[in-house]
Protein backbone atom coordinates (compact mmCIF):
# COMPACT_ATOMS: atom_id res chain seq x y z
CA UNK A 1 4.21 172.10 132.14
CA UNK A 2 4.96 174.68 134.75
CA UNK A 3 7.98 176.88 134.37
CA UNK A 4 10.75 177.41 136.95
CA UNK A 5 9.90 178.41 140.53
CA UNK A 6 6.16 177.83 140.28
CA UNK A 7 4.74 175.36 142.75
CA UNK A 8 1.49 173.49 142.32
CA UNK A 9 -1.58 175.53 143.25
CA UNK A 10 -2.58 175.20 146.88
CA UNK A 11 -6.30 175.59 146.21
CA UNK A 12 -8.77 177.85 147.93
CA UNK A 13 -7.97 178.85 151.50
CA UNK A 14 -9.49 176.44 153.97
CA UNK A 15 -10.45 173.84 151.38
CA UNK A 16 -9.94 170.29 152.61
CA UNK A 17 -7.57 168.17 150.50
CA UNK A 18 -8.93 165.34 148.41
CA UNK A 19 -8.78 162.11 150.35
CA UNK A 20 -6.85 159.92 147.96
CA UNK A 21 -3.10 159.59 147.54
CA UNK A 22 -0.14 161.64 148.73
CA UNK A 23 -0.37 165.43 148.79
CA UNK A 24 2.50 167.73 149.77
CA UNK A 25 1.77 171.44 149.95
CA UNK A 26 4.27 174.20 150.68
CA UNK A 27 6.81 171.89 152.31
CA UNK A 28 9.82 173.51 153.95
CA UNK A 29 12.61 171.61 155.70
CA UNK A 30 15.68 173.05 157.40
CA UNK A 31 18.90 171.65 158.76
CA UNK A 32 19.69 174.23 161.40
CA UNK A 33 19.55 177.59 159.63
CA UNK A 34 20.03 176.05 156.18
CA UNK A 35 16.86 175.68 154.11
CA UNK A 36 17.07 172.36 152.22
CA UNK A 37 13.52 172.18 150.85
CA UNK A 38 11.45 175.30 150.22
CA UNK A 39 7.78 175.57 149.19
CA UNK A 40 7.65 172.12 147.57
CA UNK A 41 4.22 170.90 146.47
CA UNK A 42 3.59 167.61 144.71
CA UNK A 43 1.02 164.83 144.47
CA UNK A 44 1.00 161.09 143.83
CA UNK A 45 -2.41 159.62 143.03
CA UNK A 46 -3.31 156.03 143.97
CA UNK A 47 -1.59 153.63 141.59
CA UNK A 48 0.42 156.41 139.92
CA UNK A 49 4.16 156.33 139.24
CA UNK A 50 5.91 159.68 139.72
CA UNK A 51 9.60 160.54 139.32
CA UNK A 52 11.38 163.12 141.49
CA UNK A 53 14.53 164.24 139.66
CA UNK A 54 17.36 166.66 140.27
CA UNK A 55 21.07 166.97 141.02
CA UNK A 56 22.79 165.90 144.22
CA UNK A 57 21.88 168.19 147.08
CA UNK A 58 18.63 169.37 145.49
CA UNK A 59 16.48 168.16 148.40
CA UNK A 60 15.09 164.94 146.93
CA UNK A 61 16.12 162.65 149.78
CA UNK A 62 15.05 165.23 152.35
CA UNK A 63 11.59 165.37 150.79
CA UNK A 64 11.16 161.59 151.07
CA UNK A 65 12.46 161.59 154.64
CA UNK A 66 9.98 164.30 155.57
CA UNK A 67 7.11 162.27 154.10
CA UNK A 68 8.24 159.21 156.04
CA UNK A 69 8.53 161.10 159.32
CA UNK A 70 12.30 160.88 159.68
CA UNK A 71 12.81 164.65 159.44
CA UNK A 72 10.21 167.10 160.77
CA UNK A 73 9.30 169.93 158.37
CA UNK A 74 9.19 173.49 159.64
CA UNK A 75 6.30 174.44 157.38
CA UNK A 76 3.84 172.95 154.94
CA UNK A 77 1.34 170.12 154.92
CA UNK A 78 1.67 166.43 154.09
CA UNK A 79 -1.44 164.26 153.85
CA UNK A 80 -1.88 160.64 152.82
CA UNK A 81 -5.28 159.14 152.12
CA UNK A 82 -6.80 162.22 153.70
CA UNK A 83 -4.81 161.87 156.95
CA UNK A 84 -2.58 164.74 158.04
CA UNK A 85 0.86 163.31 158.81
CA UNK A 86 2.13 166.16 161.00
CA UNK A 87 3.46 164.71 164.25
CA UNK A 88 2.76 161.12 163.20
CA UNK A 89 5.71 158.79 163.96
CA UNK A 90 7.25 156.75 161.17
CA UNK A 91 5.82 153.40 162.29
CA UNK A 92 2.29 154.82 162.10
CA UNK A 93 2.97 156.12 158.59
CA UNK A 94 4.14 152.64 157.59
CA UNK A 95 0.93 151.19 159.05
CA UNK A 96 -0.99 153.75 156.99
CA UNK A 97 0.58 152.38 153.79
CA UNK A 98 3.70 154.52 153.22
CA UNK A 99 6.84 152.52 152.43
CA UNK A 100 10.41 153.72 151.90
CA UNK A 101 13.42 152.07 150.28
CA UNK A 102 16.19 154.36 151.54
CA UNK A 103 19.34 155.35 149.73
CA UNK A 104 22.09 153.02 150.91
CA UNK A 105 19.47 150.28 151.63
CA UNK A 106 20.08 150.31 155.43
CA UNK A 107 19.98 146.53 155.77
CA UNK A 108 21.20 144.57 158.79
CA UNK A 109 24.32 142.94 157.30
CA UNK A 110 24.81 140.34 160.04
CA UNK A 111 21.25 139.03 159.73
CA UNK A 112 20.03 136.65 157.07
CA UNK A 113 17.99 137.65 154.05
CA UNK A 114 14.86 136.17 155.57
CA UNK A 115 15.44 137.85 158.93
CA UNK A 116 15.75 141.21 157.20
CA UNK A 117 12.51 140.56 155.34
CA UNK A 118 10.70 139.54 158.52
CA UNK A 119 11.65 142.85 160.11
CA UNK A 120 9.63 144.63 157.45
CA UNK A 121 6.39 142.79 158.20
CA UNK A 122 3.68 144.70 160.08
CA UNK A 123 1.38 142.33 161.96
CA UNK A 124 -2.26 142.98 161.20
CA UNK A 125 -1.50 144.82 157.95
CA UNK A 126 -1.75 142.95 154.68
CA UNK A 127 -1.12 139.22 154.29
CA UNK A 128 0.25 136.98 157.03
CA UNK A 129 4.02 136.73 157.40
CA UNK A 130 4.36 133.48 155.45
CA UNK A 131 2.23 134.80 152.59
CA UNK A 132 4.19 138.06 152.47
CA UNK A 133 7.47 136.15 152.30
CA UNK A 134 6.11 133.92 149.53
CA UNK A 135 5.06 136.97 147.50
CA UNK A 136 8.50 138.62 147.85
CA UNK A 137 10.19 135.37 146.85
CA UNK A 138 7.98 135.12 143.76
CA UNK A 139 8.98 138.66 142.85
CA UNK A 140 12.68 138.05 143.59
CA UNK A 141 13.43 134.30 143.21
CA UNK A 142 17.10 134.93 143.93
CA UNK A 143 16.22 136.03 147.45
CA UNK A 144 14.63 132.64 148.10
CA UNK A 145 17.88 130.98 147.09
CA UNK A 146 19.80 133.34 149.41
CA UNK A 147 17.31 133.35 152.28
CA UNK A 148 19.75 131.77 154.78
CA UNK A 149 22.65 133.95 153.63
CA UNK A 150 23.77 137.01 155.58
CA UNK A 151 22.63 140.22 153.93
CA UNK A 152 26.13 141.70 154.09
CA UNK A 153 27.45 139.01 151.75
CA UNK A 154 25.02 139.82 148.93
CA UNK A 155 25.97 141.72 145.80
CA UNK A 156 24.80 145.32 145.40
CA UNK A 157 21.94 144.29 143.13
CA UNK A 158 20.85 141.53 145.50
CA UNK A 159 20.93 143.96 148.42
CA UNK A 160 18.69 146.36 146.50
CA UNK A 161 16.24 143.52 145.84
CA UNK A 162 16.28 142.78 149.55
CA UNK A 163 15.69 146.42 150.48
CA UNK A 164 12.69 146.58 148.14
CA UNK A 165 11.42 143.23 149.37
CA UNK A 166 11.67 144.33 153.00
CA UNK A 167 9.60 147.47 152.24
CA UNK A 168 7.00 145.35 150.40
CA UNK A 169 6.61 143.13 153.48
CA UNK A 170 4.61 145.96 155.09
CA UNK A 171 2.05 145.87 152.22
CA UNK A 172 2.49 149.53 151.24
CA UNK A 173 0.06 151.32 148.97
CA UNK A 174 2.72 153.92 148.11
CA UNK A 175 6.37 152.91 147.86
CA UNK A 176 9.03 155.63 147.82
CA UNK A 177 12.43 154.65 146.43
CA UNK A 178 15.53 156.77 146.97
CA UNK A 179 18.12 156.29 144.20
CA UNK A 180 17.29 152.60 143.65
CA UNK A 181 19.78 152.22 140.78
CA UNK A 182 22.72 153.90 142.53
CA UNK A 183 25.95 151.95 142.02
CA UNK A 184 24.32 149.13 140.05
CA UNK A 185 25.41 147.74 136.70
CA UNK A 186 23.17 148.69 133.72
CA UNK A 187 21.92 145.11 133.36
CA UNK A 188 20.80 145.07 137.00
CA UNK A 189 19.16 148.49 136.59
CA UNK A 190 17.12 147.10 133.70
CA UNK A 191 16.00 144.14 135.81
CA UNK A 192 15.15 146.45 138.69
CA UNK A 193 13.02 148.68 136.52
CA UNK A 194 11.24 145.66 135.07
CA UNK A 195 10.28 144.77 138.64
CA UNK A 196 9.13 148.31 139.41
CA UNK A 197 7.02 148.27 136.24
CA UNK A 198 5.40 145.03 137.42
CA UNK A 199 4.65 146.55 140.82
CA UNK A 200 3.05 149.52 139.09
CA UNK A 201 0.91 147.18 136.98
CA UNK A 202 -0.27 145.59 140.23
CA UNK A 203 -1.57 148.99 141.31
CA UNK A 204 1.18 150.02 143.72
CA UNK A 205 1.88 153.77 143.63
CA UNK A 206 5.57 154.67 143.31
CA UNK A 207 7.51 157.85 144.02
CA UNK A 208 11.01 157.38 142.63
CA UNK A 209 13.96 159.63 143.40
CA UNK A 210 16.46 158.95 140.65
CA UNK A 211 19.44 160.23 138.71
CA UNK A 212 18.89 157.65 135.94
CA UNK A 213 16.59 160.14 134.24
CA UNK A 214 15.93 158.15 131.06
CA UNK A 215 14.74 155.08 132.97
CA UNK A 216 12.74 157.04 135.52
CA UNK A 217 10.83 159.07 132.93
CA UNK A 218 10.20 155.97 130.80
CA UNK A 219 8.53 154.34 133.81
CA UNK A 220 6.75 157.31 135.40
CA UNK A 221 3.59 159.01 134.19
CA UNK A 222 4.73 162.38 135.55
CA UNK A 223 7.85 163.94 136.94
CA UNK A 224 9.08 166.79 139.10
CA UNK A 225 12.53 168.41 138.92
CA UNK A 226 14.06 169.84 142.08
CA UNK A 227 16.91 172.35 142.10
CA UNK A 228 18.23 174.01 145.25
CA UNK A 229 15.23 172.81 147.23
CA UNK A 230 12.56 174.12 144.84
CA UNK A 231 10.49 172.48 142.13
CA UNK A 232 11.56 174.15 138.90
CA UNK A 233 9.75 171.91 136.40
CA UNK A 234 6.95 169.41 136.51
CA UNK A 235 4.59 167.78 134.08
CA UNK A 236 3.91 164.59 132.09
CA UNK A 237 7.03 162.54 131.47
CA UNK A 238 6.75 162.86 127.69
CA UNK A 239 6.78 166.65 127.99
CA UNK A 240 9.68 166.65 130.44
CA UNK A 241 11.77 164.54 128.08
CA UNK A 242 11.31 167.20 125.39
CA UNK A 243 11.90 170.21 127.63
CA UNK A 244 15.11 172.03 126.54
CA UNK A 245 16.33 172.64 130.10
CA UNK A 246 16.04 168.97 131.00
CA UNK A 247 17.53 167.91 127.67
CA UNK A 248 20.59 170.07 128.21
CA UNK A 249 21.11 169.25 131.88
CA UNK A 250 20.17 165.58 132.19
CA UNK A 251 19.52 163.94 128.83
CA UNK A 252 22.54 165.02 126.82
CA UNK A 253 24.66 162.01 127.78
């Protein structure tokens, strides 16, 4: 495990990145003059589950938004499956296989469950629309029961299922989830993580931003800890759970 303020090695100068998975190297993101993310480097291999942990304001959400093309970085490199993402619009990143379940879900409350799901489908990528809907409904049977119901009338847990289902409609190969358990009852969090575990068993790579540290590290193979925009710890989940800094800050409750 690397100690505070050491990023992952960038490799030899000029060396091309390995083709597979997500690679972030030296990422820096600003809001105006304020540096939110500084020199962040991380990787997610195909089929791997990785947790991105840290307190509010650490830069976790900003990192995901930069990967998805919502916020342009001022420095650093992001590649996915060997493709440099710099300047690539969000819809092209989705077509490349990058999915995002945003914090707050960002559903269309006046539209039905099924209409929200249909919006996530990318023609020509993955299964046909009907097959994609059937797969989401197998994963979340409750959404089938609610498919004609307006999204704004769903419970918080049902809305989170819908947000995940909508992202899955685009047949991602890497799904990023921003605080998926936020505001949910513990029983619903357990059900949600059972679903994420199933998706991982199917081979879907996951990058999970989470404050439920116990659950995230139990699911993920590896984790990174962000503080004040920098990665201060990273390593296998089992080692992170035993690290005294993480124990004191996150695992003492």
